[in-house]
Amino acid sequence: MNKILLLGFLLCFHVSLAQSKIYKSNEVDIYPIINSELCKNPNTGSCFTLQLMSHVTTNLKYPEEAREKGVTGKAYVQFVVDTLGIVSNIKARSLENSFKEEAIRIVKALPKMVPAQKDGRAVNISHSFPIVFNPNIETPPITEPEPLIACEDAPIPPVFSTCKRAKDQKRCLEDKLFDIVTKSKKLHLADGQKFSGKVTVYFEINIDGSLSNAIAVTTFPEAKRAIEKYLAENEVVLEPAKNENNEPIPSHFKTELNVLAVGRSRSKF
């Protein structure tokens, strides 16, 4: 009897662990659904983005203090939609604290959704997106956006011109980014400063090959600011990803770099 109870406990424990796994957006078969009437195919990533845009447009309240100061900017939000379709684990970052607070409030206001699915069952999904704060920009009409795919999933991935003949183009891209980031003068630390550790880098590659929405995650704030600033200034330009018809398409790239930076002068970021 004890053995049967123990087996039952182990099976329940295993199921509980399996259900707690959190998938990335590009790993699920069906995305969460907020409002199925917004697009023809509501279970796609592009429609989920459209639904989020609609929710933000309807619910955003521009922070009054930021409006009076003429402050504009972005807040980057990350959250989890669980197997019940409920939003949790909301995180946001922004240079303006009021934007961060408003972004969290907006995501908390998301209604219960139809959860994401993988292999025919409901799963937890982690998703992130930027919210733009600019009172001088009229809200554009909501249209279904072109889906943003991981660069390695594109029929023709984005590349540096020197990586075209490489067998592993993603690895070549990572190596080039590593060289650009670590050798950039903007990464020079103050005299005596040192950073050694991992930096997770995410950015989106537009159809003209320029970069946008660059995010760096690291324990060293100075390195984070320097990398994001460097990538945001469009000093890095690639040949964009392309579809089966050889037409440029938007994509995103994420990698983890092991960075060692040593301050040899007093130059600032």
C-alpha atoms as a PDB file:
ATOM      1  CA  MET A   1       0.000   0.000   0.000  1.00  0.00           C
ATOM      2  CA  ASN A   2       2.803   2.401   0.906  1.00  0.00           C
ATOM      3  CA  LYS A   3       4.532   1.629  -2.371  1.00  0.00           C
ATOM      4  CA  ILE A   4       1.367   2.431  -4.320  1.00  0.00           C
ATOM      5  CA  LEU A   5       0.926   5.726  -2.475  1.00  0.00           C
ATOM      6  CA  LEU A   6       4.565   6.612  -3.061  1.00  0.00           C
ATOM      7  CA  LEU A   7       4.244   5.846  -6.764  1.00  0.00           C
ATOM      8  CA  GLY A   8       1.120   7.996  -6.957  1.00  0.00           C
ATOM      9  CA  PHE A   9       2.955  10.848  -5.225  1.00  0.00           C
ATOM     10  CA  LEU A  10       5.896  10.591  -7.611  1.00  0.00           C
ATOM     11  CA  LEU A  11       3.620  10.595 -10.643  1.00  0.00           C
ATOM     12  CA  CYS A  12       1.759  13.690  -9.386  1.00  0.00           C
ATOM     13  CA  PHE A  13       5.061  15.393  -8.620  1.00  0.00           C
ATOM     14  CA  HIS A  14       6.359  14.653 -12.116  1.00  0.00           C
ATOM     15  CA  VAL A  15       3.186  16.024 -13.740  1.00  0.00           C
ATOM     16  CA  SER A  16       3.390  19.150 -11.581  1.00  0.00           C
ATOM     17  CA  LEU A  17       6.961  19.773 -12.691  1.00  0.00           C
ATOM     18  CA  ALA A  18       6.091  19.223 -16.350  1.00  0.00           C
ATOM     19  CA  GLN A  19       3.213  21.677 -16.166  1.00  0.00           C
ATOM     20  CA  SER A  20       5.425  24.333 -14.566  1.00  0.00           C
ATOM     21  CA  LYS A  21       7.721  24.604 -17.590  1.00  0.00           C
ATOM     22  CA  ILE A  22       7.623  28.013 -19.231  1.00  0.00           C
ATOM     23  CA  TYR A  23       7.994  28.053 -23.019  1.00  0.00           C
ATOM     24  CA  LYS A  24       9.340  30.900 -25.113  1.00  0.00           C
ATOM     25  CA  SER A  25       7.010  32.557 -27.600  1.00  0.00           C
ATOM     26  CA  ASN A  26       8.562  30.842 -30.616  1.00  0.00           C
ATOM     27  CA  GLU A  27       8.300  27.381 -29.012  1.00  0.00           C
ATOM     28  CA  VAL A  28       4.502  27.068 -28.881  1.00  0.00           C
ATOM     29  CA  ASP A  29       2.125  25.861 -31.590  1.00  0.00           C
ATOM     30  CA  ILE A  30      -0.745  28.192 -30.685  1.00  0.00           C
ATOM     31  CA  TYR A  31      -0.352  31.631 -29.093  1.00  0.00           C
ATOM     32  CA  PRO A  32      -2.644  32.994 -26.355  1.00  0.00           C
ATOM     33  CA  ILE A  33      -5.846  34.639 -27.572  1.00  0.00           C
ATOM     34  CA  ILE A  34      -7.241  37.837 -26.042  1.00  0.00           C
ATOM     35  CA  ASN A  35      -9.766  38.809 -28.703  1.00  0.00           C
ATOM     36  CA  SER A  36     -10.302  36.341 -31.540  1.00  0.00           C
ATOM     37  CA  GLU A  37     -12.220  38.895 -33.640  1.00  0.00           C
ATOM     38  CA  LEU A  38      -9.208  41.119 -34.388  1.00  0.00           C
ATOM     39  CA  CYS A  39      -7.717  38.942 -37.120  1.00  0.00           C
ATOM     40  CA  LYS A  40      -8.473  36.030 -39.408  1.00  0.00           C
ATOM     41  CA  ASN A  41      -6.039  33.638 -37.732  1.00  0.00           C
ATOM     42  CA  PRO A  42      -6.179  34.520 -34.006  1.00  0.00           C
ATOM     43  CA  ASN A  43      -3.782  31.837 -32.736  1.00  0.00           C
ATOM     44  CA  THR A  44      -0.664  33.217 -34.477  1.00  0.00           C
ATOM     45  CA  GLY A  45       2.155  35.272 -33.008  1.00  0.00           C
ATOM     46  CA  SER A  46       1.378  38.243 -35.236  1.00  0.00           C
ATOM     47  CA  CYS A  47      -2.254  38.280 -34.064  1.00  0.00           C
ATOM     48  CA  PHE A  48      -1.177  38.051 -30.412  1.00  0.00           C
ATOM     49  CA  THR A  49       1.014  41.125 -31.006  1.00  0.00           C
ATOM     50  CA  LEU A  50      -1.940  42.867 -32.627  1.00  0.00           C
ATOM     51  CA  GLN A  51      -4.168  42.045 -29.653  1.00  0.00           C
ATOM     52  CA  LEU A  52      -1.567  43.425 -27.225  1.00  0.00           C
ATOM     53  CA  MET A  53      -1.273  46.612 -29.305  1.00  0.00           C
ATOM     54  CA  SER A  54      -5.037  47.026 -29.213  1.00  0.00           C
ATOM     55  CA  HIS A  55      -5.093  46.578 -25.431  1.00  0.00           C
ATOM     56  CA  VAL A  56      -2.277  49.092 -24.921  1.00  0.00           C
ATOM     57  CA  THR A  57      -3.885  51.662 -27.243  1.00  0.00           C
ATOM     58  CA  THR A  58      -7.186  51.394 -25.373  1.00  0.00           C
ATOM     59  CA  ASN A  59      -5.800  51.427 -21.828  1.00  0.00           C
ATOM     60  CA  LEU A  60      -2.605  53.517 -21.828  1.00  0.00           C
ATOM     61  CA  LYS A  61      -2.673  56.564 -19.566  1.00  0.00           C
ATOM     62  CA  TYR A  62       0.275  58.844 -20.169  1.00  0.00           C
ATOM     63  CA  PRO A  63       1.916  59.678 -16.802  1.00  0.00           C
ATOM     64  CA  GLU A  64       1.051  63.309 -16.108  1.00  0.00           C
ATOM     65  CA  GLU A  65       4.468  64.182 -14.651  1.00  0.00           C
ATOM     66  CA  ALA A  66       6.229  62.821 -17.730  1.00  0.00           C
ATOM     67  CA  ARG A  67       3.812  64.682 -19.994  1.00  0.00           C
ATOM     68  CA  GLU A  68       4.477  67.995 -18.222  1.00  0.00           C
ATOM     69  CA  LYS A  69       8.235  67.481 -18.525  1.00  0.00           C
ATOM     70  CA  GLY A  70       7.950  66.449 -22.175  1.00  0.00           C
ATOM     71  CA  VAL A  71       9.553  63.100 -21.411  1.00  0.00           C
ATOM     72  CA  THR A  72       9.202  60.342 -24.029  1.00  0.00           C
ATOM     73  CA  GLY A  73      10.577  56.840 -24.178  1.00  0.00           C
ATOM     74  CA  LYS A  74       9.851  53.126 -23.993  1.00  0.00           C
ATOM     75  CA  ALA A  75       9.125  50.492 -21.406  1.00  0.00           C
ATOM     76  CA  TYR A  76      10.059  46.895 -22.098  1.00  0.00           C
ATOM     77  CA  VAL A  77       7.645  44.427 -20.522  1.00  0.00           C
ATOM     78  CA  GLN A  78       7.971  40.706 -19.896  1.00  0.00           C
ATOM     79  CA  PHE A  79       5.255  38.457 -18.505  1.00  0.00           C
ATOM     80  CA  VAL A  80       3.976  34.888 -18.336  1.00  0.00           C
ATOM     81  CA  VAL A  81       0.585  33.646 -19.484  1.00  0.00           C
ATOM     82  CA  ASP A  82      -0.098  30.465 -17.520  1.00  0.00           C
ATOM     83  CA  THR A  83      -2.094  27.365 -18.465  1.00  0.00           C
ATOM     84  CA  LEU A  84      -5.272  29.042 -17.224  1.00  0.00           C
ATOM     85  CA  GLY A  85      -4.724  32.084 -19.437  1.00  0.00           C
ATOM     86  CA  ILE A  86      -3.869  34.323 -16.478  1.00  0.00           C
ATOM     87  CA  VAL A  87      -1.005  36.851 -16.625  1.00  0.00           C
ATOM     88  CA  SER A  88       1.704  36.583 -13.950  1.00  0.00           C
ATOM     89  CA  ASN A  89       5.420  37.280 -13.316  1.00  0.00           C
ATOM     90  CA  ILE A  90       5.162  40.780 -14.790  1.00  0.00           C
ATOM     91  CA  LYS A  91       8.464  42.633 -15.122  1.00  0.00           C
ATOM     92  CA  ALA A  92       9.228  45.946 -16.787  1.00  0.00           C
ATOM     93  CA  ARG A  93      12.208  48.197 -17.302  1.00  0.00           C
ATOM     94  CA  SER A  94      12.480  51.792 -18.465  1.00  0.00           C
ATOM     95  CA  LEU A  95      14.715  54.800 -17.904  1.00  0.00           C
ATOM     96  CA  GLU A  96      11.577  56.637 -16.750  1.00  0.00           C
ATOM     97  CA  ASN A  97      10.087  55.067 -13.614  1.00  0.00           C
ATOM     98  CA  SER A  98       6.561  56.327 -14.365  1.00  0.00           C
ATOM     99  CA  PHE A  99       6.668  54.521 -17.751  1.00  0.00           C
ATOM    100  CA  LYS A 100       7.698  51.326 -15.976  1.00  0.00           C
ATOM    101  CA  GLU A 101       4.811  51.625 -13.505  1.00  0.00           C
ATOM    102  CA  GLU A 102       2.274  52.366 -16.250  1.00  0.00           C
ATOM    103  CA  ALA A 103       3.509  49.445 -18.352  1.00  0.00           C
ATOM    104  CA  ILE A 104       3.048  47.071 -15.403  1.00  0.00           C
ATOM    105  CA  ARG A 105      -0.449  48.496 -14.762  1.00  0.00           C
ATOM    106  CA  ILE A 106      -1.447  47.945 -18.406  1.00  0.00           C
ATOM    107  CA  VAL A 107      -0.249  44.342 -18.465  1.00  0.00           C
ATOM    108  CA  LYS A 108      -1.963  43.632 -15.132  1.00  0.00           C
ATOM    109  CA  ALA A 109      -5.186  44.850 -16.760  1.00  0.00           C
ATOM    110  CA  LEU A 110      -5.014  42.176 -19.472  1.00  0.00           C
ATOM    111  CA  PRO A 111      -8.104  39.954 -19.326  1.00  0.00           C
ATOM    112  CA  LYS A 112      -8.043  36.193 -18.870  1.00  0.00           C
ATOM    113  CA  MET A 113      -6.989  34.644 -22.178  1.00  0.00           C
ATOM    114  CA  VAL A 114      -7.259  31.385 -24.023  1.00  0.00           C
ATOM    115  CA  PRO A 115      -3.873  29.890 -23.061  1.00  0.00           C
ATOM    116  CA  ALA A 116      -1.072  28.976 -25.454  1.00  0.00           C
ATOM    117  CA  GLN A 117      -0.817  25.381 -26.619  1.00  0.00           C
ATOM    118  CA  LYS A 118       1.941  22.975 -27.527  1.00  0.00           C
ATOM    119  CA  ASP A 119       1.346  19.426 -28.731  1.00  0.00           C
ATOM    120  CA  GLY A 120      -2.362  19.827 -28.094  1.00  0.00           C
ATOM    121  CA  ARG A 121      -2.199  20.896 -24.443  1.00  0.00           C
ATOM    122  CA  ALA A 122      -2.217  24.224 -22.605  1.00  0.00           C
ATOM    123  CA  VAL A 123       1.247  25.478 -21.579  1.00  0.00           C
ATOM    124  CA  ASN A 124       2.841  28.436 -19.821  1.00  0.00           C
ATOM    125  CA  ILE A 125       4.358  30.986 -22.195  1.00  0.00           C
ATOM    126  CA  SER A 126       6.769  33.856 -21.589  1.00  0.00           C
ATOM    127  CA  HIS A 127       6.366  36.917 -23.803  1.00  0.00           C
ATOM    128  CA  SER A 128       7.924  40.372 -24.011  1.00  0.00           C
ATOM    129  CA  PHE A 129       7.195  43.521 -25.995  1.00  0.00           C
ATOM    130  CA  PRO A 130       7.937  47.270 -25.912  1.00  0.00           C
ATOM    131  CA  ILE A 131       5.417  50.007 -25.069  1.00  0.00           C
ATOM    132  CA  VAL A 132       6.144  53.411 -26.633  1.00  0.00           C
ATOM    133  CA  PHE A 133       5.389  56.585 -24.675  1.00  0.00           C
ATOM    134  CA  ASN A 134       5.178  59.689 -26.856  1.00  0.00           C
ATOM    135  CA  PRO A 135       2.183  62.071 -26.546  1.00  0.00           C
ATOM    136  CA  ASN A 136       3.108  63.828 -29.798  1.00  0.00           C
ATOM    137  CA  ILE A 137       2.668  60.717 -31.923  1.00  0.00           C
ATOM    138  CA  GLU A 138      -0.842  59.976 -33.081  1.00  0.00           C
ATOM    139  CA  THR A 139      -1.927  56.422 -32.441  1.00  0.00           C
ATOM    140  CA  PRO A 140      -1.569  54.601 -35.783  1.00  0.00           C
ATOM    141  CA  PRO A 141      -4.430  52.506 -37.084  1.00  0.00           C
ATOM    142  CA  ILE A 142      -4.214  48.953 -35.772  1.00  0.00           C
ATOM    143  CA  THR A 143      -3.300  46.547 -38.565  1.00  0.00           C
ATOM    144  CA  GLU A 144      -2.026  43.023 -38.438  1.00  0.00           C
ATOM    145  CA  PRO A 145       1.808  43.270 -38.310  1.00  0.00           C
ATOM    146  CA  GLU A 146       4.246  41.117 -40.200  1.00  0.00           C
ATOM    147  CA  PRO A 147       5.336  38.331 -37.831  1.00  0.00           C
ATOM    148  CA  LEU A 148       8.735  38.683 -36.211  1.00  0.00           C
ATOM    149  CA  ILE A 149      10.669  35.418 -36.315  1.00  0.00           C
ATOM    150  CA  ALA A 150      13.932  34.235 -34.802  1.00  0.00           C
ATOM    151  CA  CYS A 151      16.759  34.811 -37.266  1.00  0.00           C
ATOM    152  CA  GLU A 152      17.712  31.121 -37.317  1.00  0.00           C
ATOM    153  CA  ASP A 153      14.143  30.217 -38.345  1.00  0.00           C
ATOM    154  CA  ALA A 154      14.139  32.523 -41.369  1.00  0.00           C
ATOM    155  CA  PRO A 155      14.489  30.850 -44.793  1.00  0.00           C
ATOM    156  CA  ILE A 156      17.504  33.120 -45.318  1.00  0.00           C
ATOM    157  CA  PRO A 157      18.932  34.335 -41.961  1.00  0.00           C
ATOM    158  CA  PRO A 158      20.384  37.845 -41.512  1.00  0.00           C
ATOM    159  CA  VAL A 159      24.148  37.974 -41.959  1.00  0.00           C
ATOM    160  CA  PHE A 160      27.182  40.212 -41.950  1.00  0.00           C
ATOM    161  CA  SER A 161      28.570  40.403 -45.474  1.00  0.00           C
ATOM    162  CA  THR A 162      31.687  38.550 -44.306  1.00  0.00           C
ATOM    163  CA  CYS A 163      29.584  35.655 -42.958  1.00  0.00           C
ATOM    164  CA  LYS A 164      27.873  34.734 -46.225  1.00  0.00           C
ATOM    165  CA  ARG A 165      30.150  31.766 -46.888  1.00  0.00           C
ATOM    166  CA  ALA A 166      30.311  30.566 -43.290  1.00  0.00           C
ATOM    167  CA  LYS A 167      28.956  27.059 -42.606  1.00  0.00           C
ATOM    168  CA  ASP A 168      27.331  28.216 -39.367  1.00  0.00           C
ATOM    169  CA  GLN A 169      26.061  31.730 -40.092  1.00  0.00           C
ATOM    170  CA  LYS A 170      24.492  32.199 -36.651  1.00  0.00           C
ATOM    171  CA  ARG A 171      27.793  31.362 -34.964  1.00  0.00           C
ATOM    172  CA  CYS A 172      29.567  33.745 -37.343  1.00  0.00           C
ATOM    173  CA  LEU A 173      27.018  36.451 -36.440  1.00  0.00           C
ATOM    174  CA  GLU A 174      27.591  35.813 -32.724  1.00  0.00           C
ATOM    175  CA  ASP A 175      31.373  36.044 -33.186  1.00  0.00           C
ATOM    176  CA  LYS A 176      31.068  39.312 -35.095  1.00  0.00           C
ATOM    177  CA  LEU A 177      28.787  40.796 -32.449  1.00  0.00           C
ATOM    178  CA  PHE A 178      31.181  39.662 -29.736  1.00  0.00           C
ATOM    179  CA  ASP A 179      34.053  41.420 -31.512  1.00  0.00           C
ATOM    180  CA  ILE A 180      32.011  44.586 -32.036  1.00  0.00           C
ATOM    181  CA  VAL A 181      30.795  44.709 -28.442  1.00  0.00           C
ATOM    182  CA  THR A 182      34.076  43.898 -26.685  1.00  0.00           C
ATOM    183  CA  LYS A 183      36.267  46.061 -28.943  1.00  0.00           C
ATOM    184  CA  SER A 184      33.989  49.092 -28.959  1.00  0.00           C
ATOM    185  CA  LYS A 185      35.512  52.184 -27.349  1.00  0.00           C
ATOM    186  CA  LYS A 186      32.167  52.754 -25.683  1.00  0.00           C
ATOM    187  CA  LEU A 187      32.784  49.676 -23.578  1.00  0.00           C
ATOM    188  CA  HIS A 188      35.969  51.052 -22.043  1.00  0.00           C
ATOM    189  CA  LEU A 189      35.589  51.181 -18.276  1.00  0.00           C
ATOM    190  CA  ALA A 190      37.015  53.732 -15.894  1.00  0.00           C
ATOM    191  CA  ASP A 191      40.567  53.117 -14.737  1.00  0.00           C
ATOM    192  CA  GLY A 192      40.650  50.082 -12.497  1.00  0.00           C
ATOM    193  CA  GLN A 193      37.154  48.886 -13.289  1.00  0.00           C
ATOM    194  CA  LYS A 194      36.652  45.322 -14.490  1.00  0.00           C
ATOM    195  CA  PHE A 195      33.726  43.208 -15.602  1.00  0.00           C
ATOM    196  CA  SER A 196      33.736  39.501 -16.282  1.00  0.00           C
ATOM    197  CA  GLY A 197      30.492  37.638 -16.824  1.00  0.00           C
ATOM    198  CA  LYS A 198      27.632  36.707 -19.098  1.00  0.00           C
ATOM    199  CA  VAL A 199      25.606  39.208 -21.102  1.00  0.00           C
ATOM    200  CA  THR A 200      22.346  38.146 -22.744  1.00  0.00           C
ATOM    201  CA  VAL A 201      21.763  40.299 -25.823  1.00  0.00           C
ATOM    202  CA  TYR A 202      18.467  40.610 -27.706  1.00  0.00           C
ATOM    203  CA  PHE A 203      17.663  42.872 -30.627  1.00  0.00           C
ATOM    204  CA  GLU A 204      15.389  43.070 -33.636  1.00  0.00           C
ATOM    205  CA  ILE A 205      16.659  43.331 -37.213  1.00  0.00           C
ATOM    206  CA  ASN A 206      14.555  45.526 -39.475  1.00  0.00           C
ATOM    207  CA  ILE A 207      14.034  44.968 -43.193  1.00  0.00           C
ATOM    208  CA  ASP A 208      16.706  47.568 -44.007  1.00  0.00           C
ATOM    209  CA  GLY A 209      19.260  45.695 -41.872  1.00  0.00           C
ATOM    210  CA  SER A 210      19.270  48.218 -39.029  1.00  0.00           C
ATOM    211  CA  LEU A 211      18.765  47.179 -35.411  1.00  0.00           C
ATOM    212  CA  SER A 212      16.062  48.193 -32.938  1.00  0.00           C
ATOM    213  CA  ASN A 213      14.738  47.308 -29.458  1.00  0.00           C
ATOM    214  CA  ALA A 214      18.168  46.265 -28.218  1.00  0.00           C
ATOM    215  CA  ILE A 215      18.148  44.757 -24.728  1.00  0.00           C
ATOM    216  CA  ALA A 216      21.138  43.594 -22.687  1.00  0.00           C
ATOM    217  CA  VAL A 217      20.717  41.606 -19.478  1.00  0.00           C
ATOM    218  CA  THR A 218      23.728  41.538 -17.170  1.00  0.00           C
ATOM    219  CA  THR A 219      24.702  42.146 -13.565  1.00  0.00           C
ATOM    220  CA  PHE A 220      26.975  45.055 -14.546  1.00  0.00           C
ATOM    221  CA  PRO A 221      24.845  48.211 -15.144  1.00  0.00           C
ATOM    222  CA  GLU A 222      27.580  50.125 -16.986  1.00  0.00           C
ATOM    223  CA  ALA A 223      28.089  47.303 -19.478  1.00  0.00           C
ATOM    224  CA  LYS A 224      24.329  46.993 -19.949  1.00  0.00           C
ATOM    225  CA  ARG A 225      23.940  50.698 -20.738  1.00  0.00           C
ATOM    226  CA  ALA A 226      26.946  50.716 -23.050  1.00  0.00           C
ATOM    227  CA  ILE A 227      25.828  47.690 -25.079  1.00  0.00           C
ATOM    228  CA  GLU A 228      22.247  48.917 -25.442  1.00  0.00           C
ATOM    229  CA  LYS A 229      23.408  52.390 -26.439  1.00  0.00           C
ATOM    230  CA  TYR A 230      25.895  51.003 -28.937  1.00  0.00           C
ATOM    231  CA  LEU A 231      23.369  48.719 -30.612  1.00  0.00           C
ATOM    232  CA  ALA A 232      20.637  51.391 -30.557  1.00  0.00           C
ATOM    233  CA  GLU A 233      22.763  53.894 -32.476  1.00  0.00           C
ATOM    234  CA  ASN A 234      22.549  51.771 -35.626  1.00  0.00           C
ATOM    235  CA  GLU A 235      26.290  51.381 -35.911  1.00  0.00           C
ATOM    236  CA  VAL A 236      25.672  47.712 -36.616  1.00  0.00           C
ATOM    237  CA  VAL A 237      23.987  47.022 -39.950  1.00  0.00           C
ATOM    238  CA  LEU A 238      23.370  43.561 -41.377  1.00  0.00           C
ATOM    239  CA  GLU A 239      21.834  42.122 -44.473  1.00  0.00           C
ATOM    240  CA  PRO A 240      18.268  41.433 -43.282  1.00  0.00           C
ATOM    241  CA  ALA A 241      16.594  38.053 -43.104  1.00  0.00           C
ATOM    242  CA  LYS A 242      14.683  37.053 -46.249  1.00  0.00           C
ATOM    243  CA  ASN A 243      11.717  34.863 -47.077  1.00  0.00           C
ATOM    244  CA  GLU A 244      11.387  32.161 -49.738  1.00  0.00           C
ATOM    245  CA  ASN A 245      10.935  34.868 -52.394  1.00  0.00           C
ATOM    246  CA  ASN A 246      14.205  36.538 -51.386  1.00  0.00           C
ATOM    247  CA  GLU A 247      12.268  39.492 -49.943  1.00  0.00           C
ATOM    248  CA  PRO A 248      13.553  41.140 -46.707  1.00  0.00           C
ATOM    249  CA  ILE A 249      11.593  40.334 -43.555  1.00  0.00           C
ATOM    250  CA  PRO A 250      11.953  41.498 -39.914  1.00  0.00           C
ATOM    251  CA  SER A 251      13.553  39.089 -37.456  1.00  0.00           C
ATOM    252  CA  HIS A 252      14.958  38.964 -33.932  1.00  0.00           C
ATOM    253  CA  PHE A 253      18.229  37.688 -32.527  1.00  0.00           C
ATOM    254  CA  LYS A 254      19.131  36.501 -29.035  1.00  0.00           C
ATOM    255  CA  THR A 255      22.435  35.210 -27.754  1.00  0.00           C
ATOM    256  CA  GLU A 256      24.546  34.964 -24.608  1.00  0.00           C
ATOM    257  CA  LEU A 257      28.076  36.376 -24.610  1.00  0.00           C
ATOM    258  CA  ASN A 258      30.871  35.817 -22.114  1.00  0.00           C
ATOM    259  CA  VAL A 259      32.388  39.289 -21.792  1.00  0.00           C
ATOM    260  CA  LEU A 260      35.613  40.422 -20.162  1.00  0.00           C
ATOM    261  CA  ALA A 261      36.099  44.195 -20.008  1.00  0.00           C
ATOM    262  CA  VAL A 262      38.970  45.947 -18.236  1.00  0.00           C
ATOM    263  CA  GLY A 263      39.293  49.683 -17.689  1.00  0.00           C
ATOM    264  CA  ARG A 264      42.574  51.006 -19.084  1.00  0.00           C
ATOM    265  CA  SER A 265      41.699  54.687 -19.248  1.00  0.00           C
ATOM    266  CA  ARG A 266      39.265  57.161 -17.748  1.00  0.00           C
ATOM    267  CA  SER A 267      37.132  57.446 -20.865  1.00  0.00           C
ATOM    268  CA  LYS A 268      33.386  57.397 -20.197  1.00  0.00           C
ATOM    269  CA  PHE A 269      30.627  55.449 -21.929  1.00  0.00           C
END
